[in-house]
C-alpha atoms as a PDB file:
ATOM      1  CA  MET A   1      25.075  10.526  -8.317  1.00  0.00           C
ATOM      2  CA  MET A   2      21.419  11.316  -8.974  1.00  0.00           C
ATOM      3  CA  THR A   3      19.075   8.426  -9.489  1.00  0.00           C
ATOM      4  CA  SER A   4      16.493   8.915 -12.187  1.00  0.00           C
ATOM      5  CA  GLU A   5      12.846   8.630 -11.223  1.00  0.00           C
ATOM      6  CA  ILE A   6      12.452   5.698 -13.626  1.00  0.00           C
ATOM      7  CA  ASP A   7      14.952   3.755 -11.486  1.00  0.00           C
ATOM      8  CA  ARG A   8      12.653   4.223  -8.503  1.00  0.00           C
ATOM      9  CA  LEU A   9       9.458   2.805  -9.936  1.00  0.00           C
ATOM     10  CA  LEU A  10       7.891   0.480  -7.379  1.00  0.00           C
ATOM     11  CA  ASP A  11       6.006  -2.606  -8.531  1.00  0.00           C
ATOM     12  CA  PHE A  12       3.354  -3.066  -5.836  1.00  0.00           C
ATOM     13  CA  ASP A  13       1.964  -6.217  -7.459  1.00  0.00           C
ATOM     14  CA  LYS A  14       5.227  -8.157  -7.557  1.00  0.00           C
ATOM     15  CA  ARG A  15       7.137  -7.200  -4.417  1.00  0.00           C
ATOM     16  CA  GLU A  16       6.959  -5.623  -1.007  1.00  0.00           C
ATOM     17  CA  VAL A  17       7.752  -1.927  -1.380  1.00  0.00           C
ATOM     18  CA  VAL A  18       7.040  -0.302   1.995  1.00  0.00           C
ATOM     19  CA  LEU A  19       9.206  -1.164   4.985  1.00  0.00           C
ATOM     20  CA  ARG A  20       8.914   0.099   8.562  1.00  0.00           C
ATOM     21  CA  ALA A  21      12.017   1.876   9.811  1.00  0.00           C
ATOM     22  CA  ASP A  22      13.321   3.416  13.019  1.00  0.00           C
ATOM     23  CA  PHE A  23      15.411   6.329  11.797  1.00  0.00           C
ATOM     24  CA  THR A  24      16.901   6.814  15.264  1.00  0.00           C
ATOM     25  CA  GLU A  25      18.809   3.535  14.812  1.00  0.00           C
ATOM     26  CA  LEU A  26      21.090   4.386  11.893  1.00  0.00           C
ATOM     27  CA  ASP A  27      24.317   2.399  11.682  1.00  0.00           C
ATOM     28  CA  ASP A  28      27.782   3.911  11.195  1.00  0.00           C
ATOM     29  CA  GLU A  29      27.181   4.226   7.455  1.00  0.00           C
ATOM     30  CA  GLN A  30      23.792   5.978   7.894  1.00  0.00           C
ATOM     31  CA  CYS A  31      21.799   2.864   6.941  1.00  0.00           C
ATOM     32  CA  VAL A  32      18.835   1.371   8.762  1.00  0.00           C
ATOM     33  CA  TRP A  33      18.080  -2.314   9.366  1.00  0.00           C
ATOM     34  CA  THR A  34      14.415  -3.114   8.916  1.00  0.00           C
ATOM     35  CA  SER A  35      12.279  -6.214   9.183  1.00  0.00           C
ATOM     36  CA  MET A  36      10.457  -7.641   6.187  1.00  0.00           C
ATOM     37  CA  ARG A  37       7.038  -9.236   6.509  1.00  0.00           C
ATOM     38  CA  PHE A  38       6.519 -12.971   6.414  1.00  0.00           C
ATOM     39  CA  MET A  39       3.999 -13.637   3.648  1.00  0.00           C
ATOM     40  CA  VAL A  40       3.561 -17.121   2.260  1.00  0.00           C
ATOM     41  CA  GLN A  41       1.732 -16.152  -0.933  1.00  0.00           C
ATOM     42  CA  GLY A  42       2.234 -12.407  -0.946  1.00  0.00           C
ATOM     43  CA  PRO A  43       4.579 -10.216  -2.915  1.00  0.00           C
ATOM     44  CA  ARG A  44       8.266 -11.154  -2.812  1.00  0.00           C
ATOM     45  CA  HIS A  45      10.791  -9.372  -0.642  1.00  0.00           C
ATOM     46  CA  PRO A  46      12.872  -6.608  -2.162  1.00  0.00           C
ATOM     47  CA  ARG A  47      16.329  -7.579  -3.388  1.00  0.00           C
ATOM     48  CA  GLU A  48      19.672  -5.841  -3.114  1.00  0.00           C
ATOM     49  CA  GLY A  49      19.775  -2.854  -5.446  1.00  0.00           C
ATOM     50  CA  GLU A  50      15.998  -2.267  -5.444  1.00  0.00           C
ATOM     51  CA  TRP A  51      14.245   0.822  -4.119  1.00  0.00           C
ATOM     52  CA  VAL A  52      11.723   0.726  -1.298  1.00  0.00           C
ATOM     53  CA  TYR A  53       9.826   3.320   0.701  1.00  0.00           C
ATOM     54  CA  LEU A  54      10.839   3.548   4.361  1.00  0.00           C
ATOM     55  CA  ILE A  55       8.222   4.796   6.806  1.00  0.00           C
ATOM     56  CA  ASP A  56       8.442   5.399  10.546  1.00  0.00           C
ATOM     57  CA  ARG A  57       5.791   5.184  13.266  1.00  0.00           C
ATOM     58  CA  HIS A  58       4.980   8.886  12.754  1.00  0.00           C
ATOM     59  CA  GLY A  59       4.121   8.416   9.066  1.00  0.00           C
ATOM     60  CA  ARG A  60       7.298  10.172   7.929  1.00  0.00           C
ATOM     61  CA  GLY A  61       9.635   8.576   5.437  1.00  0.00           C
ATOM     62  CA  CYS A  62      11.750   8.509   2.336  1.00  0.00           C
ATOM     63  CA  MET A  63      12.932   6.304  -0.471  1.00  0.00           C
ATOM     64  CA  GLY A  64      15.749   3.917   0.323  1.00  0.00           C
ATOM     65  CA  LEU A  65      18.055   1.626  -1.621  1.00  0.00           C
ATOM     66  CA  VAL A  66      18.335  -1.957  -0.355  1.00  0.00           C
ATOM     67  CA  GLU A  67      22.022  -2.659   0.249  1.00  0.00           C
ATOM     68  CA  THR A  68      21.879  -6.049   1.986  1.00  0.00           C
ATOM     69  CA  VAL A  69      19.263  -8.713   2.654  1.00  0.00           C
ATOM     70  CA  ASN A  70      19.879 -11.115   5.524  1.00  0.00           C
ATOM     71  CA  GLY A  71      16.992 -13.511   6.156  1.00  0.00           C
ATOM     72  CA  TRP A  72      13.948 -11.474   7.170  1.00  0.00           C
ATOM     73  CA  THR A  73      15.833  -8.183   7.519  1.00  0.00           C
ATOM     74  CA  ALA A  74      17.165  -5.671   5.040  1.00  0.00           C
ATOM     75  CA  ARG A  75      19.824  -2.993   5.382  1.00  0.00           C
ATOM     76  CA  VAL A  76      18.581   0.070   3.526  1.00  0.00           C
ATOM     77  CA  ARG A  77      20.344   3.344   2.706  1.00  0.00           C
ATOM     78  CA  PRO A  78      17.836   6.210   3.050  1.00  0.00           C
ATOM     79  CA  ASP A  79      17.726   8.871   0.341  1.00  0.00           C
ATOM     80  CA  TRP A  80      17.367  11.905   2.616  1.00  0.00           C
ATOM     81  CA  GLY A  81      16.587  14.122  -0.382  1.00  0.00           C
ATOM     82  CA  SER A  82      13.226  12.357  -0.743  1.00  0.00           C
ATOM     83  CA  TRP A  83      12.266  12.782   2.945  1.00  0.00           C
ATOM     84  CA  ALA A  84       8.608  13.719   3.514  1.00  0.00           C
ATOM     85  CA  PRO A  85       7.603  15.966   5.114  1.00  0.00           C
ATOM     86  CA  SER A  86      10.785  17.851   4.265  1.00  0.00           C
ATOM     87  CA  GLU A  87      10.740  20.077   7.357  1.00  0.00           C
ATOM     88  CA  ASP A  88      10.494  17.161   9.793  1.00  0.00           C
ATOM     89  CA  ARG A  89      13.682  15.181   9.194  1.00  0.00           C
ATOM     90  CA  PRO A  90      15.087  12.901  11.898  1.00  0.00           C
ATOM     91  CA  PRO A  91      17.651  14.623  14.131  1.00  0.00           C
ATOM     92  CA  ASP A  92      20.421  12.150  13.180  1.00  0.00           C
ATOM     93  CA  ALA A  93      19.857  12.441   9.437  1.00  0.00           C
ATOM     94  CA  PRO A  94      22.861  13.884   7.598  1.00  0.00           C
ATOM     95  CA  ALA A  95      22.549  17.351   6.084  1.00  0.00           C
ATOM     96  CA  ARG A  96      21.264  17.545   2.529  1.00  0.00           C
ATOM     97  CA  SER A  97      23.996  17.519  -0.066  1.00  0.00           C
END
């Protein structure tokens, strides 16, 4: 199912939208667990069902849908079709559908 671009609008003023990810640590369902920042008066954490941008230590990344939030961590399903740069995908990423 394709997600419309309007569904992916990120509200930088209201919530955290960029999360660090290690794409070499995908779970059995091709999701990544990532830490959320602790900010007392900053933007709120993303909630289940919201889109975020996942970025790795090399500056590569993609959009991801938050599936689960557990304390200060979130389980996010990467959207490999939005990977940038497109030619430099992680070796464990599933093939494009």
